[in-house]
Amino acid sequence: QVQLVESGGGLVQPGGSLRLSCTASGFTFSSYAASWYRQAPGKERELVAAVTSGGAYARYVDSVKGRFTISRDNAKNAVYLQMNSLKPEDTATYYCKAVRSALQDYWGQGTQVTVSS
């Protein structure tokens, strides 16, 4: 059974940090690129960060550059998102995605991140 399970979300004050984790099972995670998306209420889902299957290359949406870092550990079938200097506008449900092709992509169920004082 294919699964992606996110964890690590929660409530944090502005300027704080969180580390999201996403653990994969049921498929060969190391063959898939991985990414984090987020969706705020009333807004479209947007790509936040992505990393290649081997972890060598990463890219970020401009609004999180310098604050967020995506990484992965293929030995643990996991991808992470370290989020620093969090802002209220980072509040959203965060989803991880694993993709190999247009017909081979999987989503997690999401984890809520709320940045508020």
C-alpha atoms as a PDB file:
ATOM      1  CA  GLN A   1       0.000   0.000   0.000  1.00  0.00           C
ATOM      2  CA  VAL A   2       1.419   3.353  -1.077  1.00  0.00           C
ATOM      3  CA  GLN A   3       1.552   5.928   1.678  1.00  0.00           C
ATOM      4  CA  LEU A   4       3.054   9.329   2.349  1.00  0.00           C
ATOM      5  CA  VAL A   5       2.616  10.473   5.924  1.00  0.00           C
ATOM      6  CA  GLU A   6       3.459  14.010   6.986  1.00  0.00           C
ATOM      7  CA  SER A   7       4.177  15.114  10.528  1.00  0.00           C
ATOM      8  CA  GLY A   8       5.662  18.044  12.398  1.00  0.00           C
ATOM      9  CA  GLY A   9       3.056  20.713  11.837  1.00  0.00           C
ATOM     10  CA  GLY A  10       1.645  22.844  14.609  1.00  0.00           C
ATOM     11  CA  LEU A  11       1.244  26.320  16.021  1.00  0.00           C
ATOM     12  CA  VAL A  12       4.318  28.540  16.151  1.00  0.00           C
ATOM     13  CA  GLN A  13       4.927  32.216  16.801  1.00  0.00           C
ATOM     14  CA  PRO A  14       6.211  34.512  14.048  1.00  0.00           C
ATOM     15  CA  GLY A  15       9.972  34.145  13.749  1.00  0.00           C
ATOM     16  CA  GLY A  16       9.865  30.578  14.998  1.00  0.00           C
ATOM     17  CA  SER A  17      10.836  27.325  13.338  1.00  0.00           C
ATOM     18  CA  LEU A  18       9.266  24.003  12.467  1.00  0.00           C
ATOM     19  CA  ARG A  19      10.560  20.891  10.785  1.00  0.00           C
ATOM     20  CA  LEU A  20       8.122  18.907   8.690  1.00  0.00           C
ATOM     21  CA  SER A  21       8.740  15.257   7.920  1.00  0.00           C
ATOM     22  CA  CYS A  22       7.203  13.023   5.290  1.00  0.00           C
ATOM     23  CA  THR A  23       7.737   9.279   5.385  1.00  0.00           C
ATOM     24  CA  ALA A  24       7.046   7.104   2.365  1.00  0.00           C
ATOM     25  CA  SER A  25       6.131   3.445   2.122  1.00  0.00           C
ATOM     26  CA  GLY A  26       4.884   1.021  -0.501  1.00  0.00           C
ATOM     27  CA  PHE A  27       7.054   2.248  -3.363  1.00  0.00           C
ATOM     28  CA  THR A  28      10.692   2.896  -4.224  1.00  0.00           C
ATOM     29  CA  PHE A  29      10.982   6.373  -2.766  1.00  0.00           C
ATOM     30  CA  SER A  30      14.576   6.859  -3.905  1.00  0.00           C
ATOM     31  CA  SER A  31      13.413   6.768  -7.545  1.00  0.00           C
ATOM     32  CA  TYR A  32      11.041   9.679  -7.085  1.00  0.00           C
ATOM     33  CA  ALA A  33      11.554  13.402  -6.918  1.00  0.00           C
ATOM     34  CA  ALA A  34       9.935  14.862  -3.815  1.00  0.00           C
ATOM     35  CA  SER A  35       8.338  18.172  -3.080  1.00  0.00           C
ATOM     36  CA  TRP A  36       6.380  20.157  -0.541  1.00  0.00           C
ATOM     37  CA  TYR A  37       3.252  22.080  -1.457  1.00  0.00           C
ATOM     38  CA  ARG A  38       1.028  24.252   0.669  1.00  0.00           C
ATOM     39  CA  GLN A  39      -2.517  25.472   0.481  1.00  0.00           C
ATOM     40  CA  ALA A  40      -3.970  28.309   2.503  1.00  0.00           C
ATOM     41  CA  PRO A  41      -7.739  28.786   2.897  1.00  0.00           C
ATOM     42  CA  GLY A  42      -9.216  30.304  -0.246  1.00  0.00           C
ATOM     43  CA  LYS A  43      -5.980  29.989  -2.184  1.00  0.00           C
ATOM     44  CA  GLU A  44      -4.628  27.583  -4.744  1.00  0.00           C
ATOM     45  CA  ARG A  45      -2.118  24.933  -3.797  1.00  0.00           C
ATOM     46  CA  GLU A  46       1.405  26.131  -4.509  1.00  0.00           C
ATOM     47  CA  LEU A  47       4.753  24.451  -4.821  1.00  0.00           C
ATOM     48  CA  VAL A  48       7.014  25.454  -1.942  1.00  0.00           C
ATOM     49  CA  ALA A  49      10.148  23.371  -2.507  1.00  0.00           C
ATOM     50  CA  ALA A  50      11.289  20.405  -4.544  1.00  0.00           C
ATOM     51  CA  VAL A  51      14.285  18.081  -4.504  1.00  0.00           C
ATOM     52  CA  THR A  52      15.552  15.579  -7.041  1.00  0.00           C
ATOM     53  CA  SER A  53      15.493  11.846  -6.382  1.00  0.00           C
ATOM     54  CA  GLY A  54      19.125  11.758  -5.267  1.00  0.00           C
ATOM     55  CA  GLY A  55      18.893  14.963  -3.298  1.00  0.00           C
ATOM     56  CA  ALA A  56      21.511  16.841  -5.287  1.00  0.00           C
ATOM     57  CA  TYR A  57      19.308  19.666  -6.561  1.00  0.00           C
ATOM     58  CA  ALA A  58      16.594  21.693  -4.880  1.00  0.00           C
ATOM     59  CA  ARG A  59      14.460  24.661  -5.808  1.00  0.00           C
ATOM     60  CA  TYR A  60      12.178  26.972  -3.896  1.00  0.00           C
ATOM     61  CA  VAL A  61       9.381  29.426  -4.435  1.00  0.00           C
ATOM     62  CA  ASP A  62      10.740  32.949  -4.065  1.00  0.00           C
ATOM     63  CA  SER A  63       8.748  33.675  -0.908  1.00  0.00           C
ATOM     64  CA  VAL A  64      10.599  31.018   1.124  1.00  0.00           C
ATOM     65  CA  LYS A  65      14.119  31.282  -0.286  1.00  0.00           C
ATOM     66  CA  GLY A  66      16.650  31.710   2.490  1.00  0.00           C
ATOM     67  CA  ARG A  67      14.152  30.581   5.144  1.00  0.00           C
ATOM     68  CA  PHE A  68      13.137  27.032   4.171  1.00  0.00           C
ATOM     69  CA  THR A  69      15.359  24.068   3.358  1.00  0.00           C
ATOM     70  CA  ILE A  70      14.221  20.829   1.751  1.00  0.00           C
ATOM     71  CA  SER A  71      16.233  17.674   2.286  1.00  0.00           C
ATOM     72  CA  ARG A  72      15.760  13.939   2.023  1.00  0.00           C
ATOM     73  CA  ASP A  73      17.140  10.729   3.472  1.00  0.00           C
ATOM     74  CA  ASN A  74      16.511   7.880   1.062  1.00  0.00           C
ATOM     75  CA  ALA A  75      17.744   5.342   3.579  1.00  0.00           C
ATOM     76  CA  LYS A  76      14.821   6.377   5.770  1.00  0.00           C
ATOM     77  CA  ASN A  77      12.371   6.945   2.877  1.00  0.00           C
ATOM     78  CA  ALA A  78      11.839  10.456   4.126  1.00  0.00           C
ATOM     79  CA  VAL A  79      11.791  14.047   2.952  1.00  0.00           C
ATOM     80  CA  TYR A  80      11.969  17.042   5.277  1.00  0.00           C
ATOM     81  CA  LEU A  81      11.188  20.730   5.213  1.00  0.00           C
ATOM     82  CA  GLN A  82      13.047  22.884   7.713  1.00  0.00           C
ATOM     83  CA  MET A  83      11.163  26.147   8.087  1.00  0.00           C
ATOM     84  CA  ASN A  84      12.834  29.067   9.843  1.00  0.00           C
ATOM     85  CA  SER A  85      11.831  32.687  10.370  1.00  0.00           C
ATOM     86  CA  LEU A  86       8.204  31.737   9.911  1.00  0.00           C
ATOM     87  CA  LYS A  87       5.692  34.419   8.985  1.00  0.00           C
ATOM     88  CA  PRO A  88       1.909  34.530   9.361  1.00  0.00           C
ATOM     89  CA  GLU A  89       1.629  34.211   5.586  1.00  0.00           C
ATOM     90  CA  ASP A  90       3.262  30.775   5.834  1.00  0.00           C
ATOM     91  CA  THR A  91       0.100  29.516   7.529  1.00  0.00           C
ATOM     92  CA  ALA A  92      -1.306  26.695   5.408  1.00  0.00           C
ATOM     93  CA  THR A  93      -1.770  22.981   5.125  1.00  0.00           C
ATOM     94  CA  TYR A  94       1.496  21.502   3.901  1.00  0.00           C
ATOM     95  CA  TYR A  95       1.532  18.442   1.659  1.00  0.00           C
ATOM     96  CA  CYS A  96       4.358  16.275   0.470  1.00  0.00           C
ATOM     97  CA  LYS A  97       4.388  14.761  -2.986  1.00  0.00           C
ATOM     98  CA  ALA A  98       6.510  12.100  -4.624  1.00  0.00           C
ATOM     99  CA  VAL A  99       6.617  12.072  -8.424  1.00  0.00           C
ATOM    100  CA  ARG A 100       8.303   9.916 -11.006  1.00  0.00           C
ATOM    101  CA  SER A 101       6.170  10.606 -14.048  1.00  0.00           C
ATOM    102  CA  ALA A 102       2.773  11.985 -14.998  1.00  0.00           C
ATOM    103  CA  LEU A 103       1.260   8.625 -14.117  1.00  0.00           C
ATOM    104  CA  GLN A 104       3.286   7.976 -11.007  1.00  0.00           C
ATOM    105  CA  ASP A 105       2.745  10.575  -8.332  1.00  0.00           C
ATOM    106  CA  TYR A 106       1.583  10.289  -4.759  1.00  0.00           C
ATOM    107  CA  TRP A 107       0.364  12.780  -2.175  1.00  0.00           C
ATOM    108  CA  GLY A 108       0.297  12.819   1.572  1.00  0.00           C
ATOM    109  CA  GLN A 109      -2.726  13.802   3.618  1.00  0.00           C
ATOM    110  CA  GLY A 110      -1.289  17.120   4.779  1.00  0.00           C
ATOM    111  CA  THR A 111      -0.184  18.704   8.037  1.00  0.00           C
ATOM    112  CA  GLN A 112      -1.366  22.055   9.342  1.00  0.00           C
ATOM    113  CA  VAL A 113       1.091  24.857  10.026  1.00  0.00           C
ATOM    114  CA  THR A 114      -0.220  27.937  11.812  1.00  0.00           C
ATOM    115  CA  VAL A 115       1.999  30.948  12.419  1.00  0.00           C
ATOM    116  CA  SER A 116       0.401  33.297  14.906  1.00  0.00           C
ATOM    117  CA  SER A 117       1.141  35.218  18.058  1.00  0.00           C
END
